Amino acid sequence: MDKLSLYRQFIQESLTDRAKLRSSVDPVKSQTVFDREGDHYQLVNLGWKDSSTRIYGCAIHVDIIDGKIWVQHDGTEDAIADQLVSKGVPKQDIVIAYHAPYVRQYTEFALG
């Protein structure tokens, strides 16, 4: 399997596993959104809390751009970048895009 196909698989598995963490009785659900042609992947939370507060928001957004994984947003405690590294993705192939470009040089991950 080529590198990009493997990265797509790892991202989709990670987001799907994360979506399954919510209890079936939890009124807020996690939903995966995969644009496989454009290489855009998201985990979205939606539902109602206390039947009066609408919950909707992107928890994780990952793109594949020019052969690298770009973490556009990660609003979770367990960073998807670390999960991908544990699956075998080299840190130099992951860009933490929510950090400003000048800050990325201080991380262990790719600059861009």
N, C-alpha and C. Protein backbone atom coordinates (compact mmCIF):
# COMPACT_ATOMS: atom_id res chain seq x y z
N MET A 1 0.85 -1.18 0.00
CA MET A 1 0.00 0.00 0.00
C MET A 1 0.90 1.24 0.00
N ASP A 2 0.58 2.21 -0.86
CA ASP A 2 1.41 3.41 -0.92
C ASP A 2 1.18 4.29 0.31
N LYS A 3 2.10 5.22 0.52
CA LYS A 3 2.11 6.07 1.71
C LYS A 3 0.80 6.83 1.89
N LEU A 4 0.30 7.46 0.84
CA LEU A 4 -0.91 8.27 0.98
C LEU A 4 -2.14 7.42 1.30
N SER A 5 -2.22 6.25 0.69
CA SER A 5 -3.34 5.35 1.01
C SER A 5 -3.28 4.92 2.47
N LEU A 6 -2.09 4.67 2.96
CA LEU A 6 -1.91 4.30 4.36
C LEU A 6 -2.28 5.45 5.28
N TYR A 7 -1.88 6.67 4.93
CA TYR A 7 -2.23 7.84 5.74
C TYR A 7 -3.74 8.03 5.77
N ARG A 8 -4.39 7.88 4.64
CA ARG A 8 -5.86 8.00 4.59
C ARG A 8 -6.50 6.97 5.52
N GLN A 9 -6.01 5.75 5.45
CA GLN A 9 -6.55 4.69 6.28
C GLN A 9 -6.36 5.02 7.77
N PHE A 10 -5.16 5.45 8.15
CA PHE A 10 -4.87 5.78 9.55
C PHE A 10 -5.77 6.90 10.05
N ILE A 11 -5.96 7.94 9.24
CA ILE A 11 -6.80 9.07 9.64
C ILE A 11 -8.24 8.61 9.83
N GLN A 12 -8.77 7.88 8.86
CA GLN A 12 -10.15 7.43 8.94
C GLN A 12 -10.36 6.49 10.13
N GLU A 13 -9.42 5.59 10.38
CA GLU A 13 -9.52 4.70 11.53
C GLU A 13 -9.51 5.49 12.84
N SER A 14 -8.61 6.45 12.94
CA SER A 14 -8.50 7.24 14.17
C SER A 14 -9.77 8.03 14.45
N LEU A 15 -10.32 8.67 13.41
CA LEU A 15 -11.54 9.45 13.61
C LEU A 15 -12.74 8.56 13.89
N THR A 16 -12.83 7.43 13.22
CA THR A 16 -13.93 6.49 13.46
C THR A 16 -13.86 5.94 14.88
N ASP A 17 -12.68 5.57 15.33
CA ASP A 17 -12.53 5.08 16.70
C ASP A 17 -12.91 6.15 17.71
N ARG A 18 -12.52 7.38 17.43
CA ARG A 18 -12.86 8.48 18.34
C ARG A 18 -14.38 8.71 18.38
N ALA A 19 -15.02 8.60 17.24
CA ALA A 19 -16.47 8.80 17.18
C ALA A 19 -17.21 7.74 18.00
N LYS A 20 -16.66 6.54 18.06
CA LYS A 20 -17.30 5.44 18.79
C LYS A 20 -17.16 5.58 20.30
N LEU A 21 -16.34 6.49 20.78
CA LEU A 21 -16.14 6.66 22.21
C LEU A 21 -17.37 7.20 22.93
N ARG A 22 -18.23 7.90 22.22
CA ARG A 22 -19.42 8.46 22.86
C ARG A 22 -20.40 7.34 23.18
N SER A 23 -21.00 7.44 24.33
CA SER A 23 -21.99 6.45 24.76
C SER A 23 -23.22 6.51 23.86
N SER A 24 -23.86 5.38 23.66
CA SER A 24 -25.05 5.34 22.81
C SER A 24 -26.21 6.11 23.44
N VAL A 25 -26.15 6.36 24.75
CA VAL A 25 -27.23 7.13 25.41
C VAL A 25 -26.90 8.61 25.52
N ASP A 26 -25.70 8.99 25.12
CA ASP A 26 -25.29 10.40 25.15
C ASP A 26 -26.10 11.17 24.11
N PRO A 27 -26.73 12.28 24.51
CA PRO A 27 -27.53 13.04 23.53
C PRO A 27 -26.68 13.76 22.48
N VAL A 28 -25.39 13.90 22.74
CA VAL A 28 -24.47 14.49 21.76
C VAL A 28 -23.76 13.35 21.05
N LYS A 29 -23.80 13.37 19.74
CA LYS A 29 -23.19 12.32 18.92
C LYS A 29 -21.95 12.86 18.23
N SER A 30 -21.04 11.96 17.91
CA SER A 30 -19.87 12.31 17.11
C SER A 30 -20.05 11.67 15.75
N GLN A 31 -19.75 12.44 14.73
CA GLN A 31 -19.98 12.01 13.34
C GLN A 31 -18.70 12.25 12.55
N THR A 32 -18.34 11.27 11.72
CA THR A 32 -17.19 11.45 10.85
C THR A 32 -17.65 12.01 9.51
N VAL A 33 -16.83 12.87 8.94
CA VAL A 33 -17.08 13.45 7.63
C VAL A 33 -15.81 13.25 6.81
N PHE A 34 -15.89 12.41 5.78
CA PHE A 34 -14.73 12.09 4.96
C PHE A 34 -14.95 12.54 3.53
N ASP A 35 -14.11 13.45 3.04
CA ASP A 35 -14.07 13.82 1.63
C ASP A 35 -12.82 13.16 1.07
N ARG A 36 -12.99 11.95 0.58
CA ARG A 36 -11.84 11.15 0.14
C ARG A 36 -11.20 11.70 -1.14
N GLU A 37 -11.98 12.33 -1.98
CA GLU A 37 -11.41 12.91 -3.22
C GLU A 37 -10.57 14.14 -2.92
N GLY A 38 -11.04 14.97 -2.00
CA GLY A 38 -10.31 16.19 -1.66
C GLY A 38 -9.34 16.02 -0.52
N ASP A 39 -9.35 14.83 0.11
CA ASP A 39 -8.48 14.54 1.26
C ASP A 39 -8.74 15.47 2.44
N HIS A 40 -10.02 15.61 2.81
CA HIS A 40 -10.43 16.38 3.98
C HIS A 40 -11.18 15.42 4.90
N TYR A 41 -10.84 15.45 6.20
CA TYR A 41 -11.40 14.51 7.16
C TYR A 41 -11.74 15.26 8.45
N GLN A 42 -12.98 15.04 8.95
CA GLN A 42 -13.40 15.75 10.16
C GLN A 42 -14.14 14.83 11.11
N LEU A 43 -14.09 15.20 12.38
CA LEU A 43 -14.94 14.62 13.41
C LEU A 43 -15.78 15.78 13.94
N VAL A 44 -17.09 15.64 13.85
CA VAL A 44 -18.02 16.70 14.23
C VAL A 44 -18.89 16.20 15.38
N ASN A 45 -19.08 17.04 16.39
CA ASN A 45 -19.99 16.73 17.49
C ASN A 45 -21.29 17.49 17.28
N LEU A 46 -22.43 16.80 17.46
CA LEU A 46 -23.71 17.46 17.29
C LEU A 46 -24.77 16.81 18.16
N GLY A 47 -25.73 17.61 18.57
CA GLY A 47 -26.84 17.13 19.39
C GLY A 47 -27.34 18.23 20.30
N TRP A 48 -28.00 17.81 21.35
CA TRP A 48 -28.57 18.75 22.31
C TRP A 48 -28.12 18.38 23.71
N LYS A 49 -27.75 19.37 24.50
CA LYS A 49 -27.40 19.18 25.90
C LYS A 49 -28.52 19.79 26.73
N ASP A 50 -29.07 19.02 27.63
CA ASP A 50 -30.17 19.48 28.50
C ASP A 50 -31.37 19.97 27.69
N SER A 51 -31.56 19.48 26.50
CA SER A 51 -32.67 19.80 25.59
C SER A 51 -32.86 21.29 25.34
N SER A 52 -31.89 22.11 25.75
CA SER A 52 -32.03 23.55 25.49
C SER A 52 -30.78 24.17 24.86
N THR A 53 -29.68 23.45 24.87
CA THR A 53 -28.43 23.98 24.34
C THR A 53 -27.99 23.14 23.16
N ARG A 54 -27.93 23.74 22.00
CA ARG A 54 -27.50 23.05 20.78
C ARG A 54 -25.98 22.91 20.79
N ILE A 55 -25.52 21.71 20.52
CA ILE A 55 -24.10 21.42 20.41
C ILE A 55 -23.80 21.13 18.95
N TYR A 56 -22.88 21.85 18.37
CA TYR A 56 -22.43 21.58 17.02
C TYR A 56 -21.04 22.17 16.87
N GLY A 57 -20.11 21.34 16.45
CA GLY A 57 -18.78 21.87 16.22
C GLY A 57 -17.81 20.81 15.76
N CYS A 58 -16.82 21.27 15.08
CA CYS A 58 -15.76 20.41 14.57
C CYS A 58 -14.76 20.15 15.70
N ALA A 59 -14.58 18.89 16.05
CA ALA A 59 -13.62 18.53 17.09
C ALA A 59 -12.22 18.32 16.49
N ILE A 60 -12.17 17.70 15.31
CA ILE A 60 -10.89 17.44 14.63
C ILE A 60 -11.08 17.67 13.14
N HIS A 61 -10.10 18.34 12.53
CA HIS A 61 -10.09 18.54 11.08
C HIS A 61 -8.67 18.25 10.59
N VAL A 62 -8.57 17.30 9.67
CA VAL A 62 -7.28 16.88 9.12
C VAL A 62 -7.38 16.89 7.60
N ASP A 63 -6.36 17.40 6.94
CA ASP A 63 -6.26 17.36 5.48
C ASP A 63 -4.96 16.66 5.10
N ILE A 64 -4.93 16.13 3.90
CA ILE A 64 -3.66 15.68 3.32
C ILE A 64 -3.35 16.64 2.18
N ILE A 65 -2.20 17.32 2.31
CA ILE A 65 -1.79 18.33 1.34
C ILE A 65 -0.34 18.03 0.94
N ASP A 66 -0.11 17.88 -0.35
CA ASP A 66 1.24 17.64 -0.87
C ASP A 66 1.97 16.51 -0.13
N GLY A 67 1.24 15.44 0.14
CA GLY A 67 1.85 14.26 0.75
C GLY A 67 2.05 14.31 2.25
N LYS A 68 1.61 15.40 2.88
CA LYS A 68 1.74 15.51 4.34
C LYS A 68 0.36 15.62 4.98
N ILE A 69 0.27 15.19 6.23
CA ILE A 69 -0.95 15.29 7.01
C ILE A 69 -0.94 16.65 7.72
N TRP A 70 -1.95 17.45 7.44
CA TRP A 70 -2.09 18.77 8.06
C TRP A 70 -3.21 18.71 9.09
N VAL A 71 -2.87 18.85 10.37
CA VAL A 71 -3.88 18.89 11.42
C VAL A 71 -4.34 20.34 11.52
N GLN A 72 -5.49 20.63 10.92
CA GLN A 72 -6.01 21.99 10.87
C GLN A 72 -6.62 22.43 12.21
N HIS A 73 -7.24 21.44 12.90
CA HIS A 73 -7.86 21.74 14.20
C HIS A 73 -7.90 20.46 15.00
N ASP A 74 -7.59 20.55 16.28
CA ASP A 74 -7.73 19.41 17.18
C ASP A 74 -8.18 19.95 18.53
N GLY A 75 -9.46 19.79 18.80
CA GLY A 75 -10.05 20.27 20.06
C GLY A 75 -10.22 19.16 21.07
N THR A 76 -9.34 18.17 21.03
CA THR A 76 -9.44 17.03 21.93
C THR A 76 -8.24 16.97 22.87
N GLU A 77 -8.36 16.18 23.91
CA GLU A 77 -7.25 16.03 24.86
C GLU A 77 -6.16 15.10 24.33
N ASP A 78 -6.57 14.07 23.60
CA ASP A 78 -5.62 13.10 23.04
C ASP A 78 -5.35 13.50 21.59
N ALA A 79 -4.22 14.12 21.36
CA ALA A 79 -3.91 14.69 20.05
C ALA A 79 -3.88 13.63 18.96
N ILE A 80 -4.57 13.93 17.86
CA ILE A 80 -4.58 12.99 16.73
C ILE A 80 -3.18 12.85 16.14
N ALA A 81 -2.37 13.89 16.20
CA ALA A 81 -0.99 13.80 15.68
C ALA A 81 -0.23 12.70 16.42
N ASP A 82 -0.38 12.63 17.73
CA ASP A 82 0.30 11.60 18.51
C ASP A 82 -0.23 10.21 18.16
N GLN A 83 -1.52 10.10 17.92
CA GLN A 83 -2.11 8.82 17.52
C GLN A 83 -1.54 8.37 16.18
N LEU A 84 -1.41 9.30 15.26
CA LEU A 84 -0.88 8.96 13.94
C LEU A 84 0.59 8.55 14.02
N VAL A 85 1.35 9.21 14.87
CA VAL A 85 2.75 8.84 15.07
C VAL A 85 2.82 7.41 15.63
N SER A 86 1.93 7.09 16.58
CA SER A 86 1.94 5.74 17.16
C SER A 86 1.57 4.67 16.13
N LYS A 87 0.88 5.08 15.06
CA LYS A 87 0.54 4.15 13.98
C LYS A 87 1.67 4.02 12.96
N GLY A 88 2.70 4.86 13.10
CA GLY A 88 3.84 4.75 12.21
C GLY A 88 4.08 5.92 11.28
N VAL A 89 3.29 6.99 11.38
CA VAL A 89 3.50 8.17 10.53
C VAL A 89 4.68 8.96 11.09
N PRO A 90 5.69 9.24 10.27
CA PRO A 90 6.82 10.03 10.76
C PRO A 90 6.39 11.47 11.09
N LYS A 91 6.97 12.03 12.14
CA LYS A 91 6.62 13.39 12.55
C LYS A 91 6.88 14.41 11.44
N GLN A 92 7.87 14.15 10.59
CA GLN A 92 8.17 15.09 9.51
C GLN A 92 7.09 15.09 8.43
N ASP A 93 6.13 14.16 8.51
CA ASP A 93 5.00 14.13 7.57
C ASP A 93 3.71 14.66 8.19
N ILE A 94 3.81 15.26 9.38
CA ILE A 94 2.64 15.83 10.05
C ILE A 94 2.90 17.30 10.33
N VAL A 95 1.98 18.16 9.87
CA VAL A 95 2.07 19.60 10.12
C VAL A 95 0.98 19.97 11.11
N ILE A 96 1.36 20.62 12.20
CA ILE A 96 0.38 21.10 13.17
C ILE A 96 -0.04 22.49 12.69
N ALA A 97 -1.02 22.51 11.79
CA ALA A 97 -1.37 23.72 11.06
C ALA A 97 -2.05 24.78 11.91
N TYR A 98 -2.56 24.40 13.08
CA TYR A 98 -3.20 25.41 13.93
C TYR A 98 -2.17 26.23 14.70
N HIS A 99 -0.90 25.84 14.61
CA HIS A 99 0.18 26.67 15.14
C HIS A 99 0.63 27.62 14.03
N ALA A 100 0.91 28.84 14.38
CA ALA A 100 1.42 29.80 13.41
C ALA A 100 2.72 29.27 12.79
N PRO A 101 2.96 29.58 11.52
CA PRO A 101 4.18 29.06 10.86
C PRO A 101 5.47 29.32 11.64
N TYR A 102 5.60 30.48 12.28
CA TYR A 102 6.83 30.76 13.01
C TYR A 102 6.95 29.93 14.29
N VAL A 103 5.85 29.40 14.80
CA VAL A 103 5.87 28.58 16.01
C VAL A 103 6.23 27.12 15.70
N ARG A 104 5.91 26.67 14.51
CA ARG A 104 6.11 25.26 14.14
C ARG A 104 7.55 24.81 14.27
N GLN A 105 8.49 25.74 14.13
CA GLN A 105 9.91 25.35 14.24
C GLN A 105 10.27 24.85 15.63
N TYR A 106 9.44 25.16 16.61
CA TYR A 106 9.70 24.75 17.99
C TYR A 106 9.01 23.44 18.35
N THR A 107 8.29 22.84 17.40
CA THR A 107 7.65 21.55 17.64
C THR A 107 8.51 20.45 17.02
N GLU A 108 8.15 19.24 17.30
CA GLU A 108 8.87 18.09 16.73
C GLU A 108 8.31 17.72 15.36
N PHE A 109 7.32 18.45 14.90
CA PHE A 109 6.61 18.11 13.66
C PHE A 109 7.09 18.97 12.49
N ALA A 110 6.55 18.69 11.30
CA ALA A 110 6.95 19.38 10.07
C ALA A 110 6.59 20.86 10.11
N LEU A 111 7.33 21.65 9.37
CA LEU A 111 7.06 23.09 9.29
C LEU A 111 5.95 23.39 8.29
N GLY A 112 5.84 22.60 7.26
CA GLY A 112 4.82 22.85 6.25
C GLY A 112 5.06 22.07 5.01
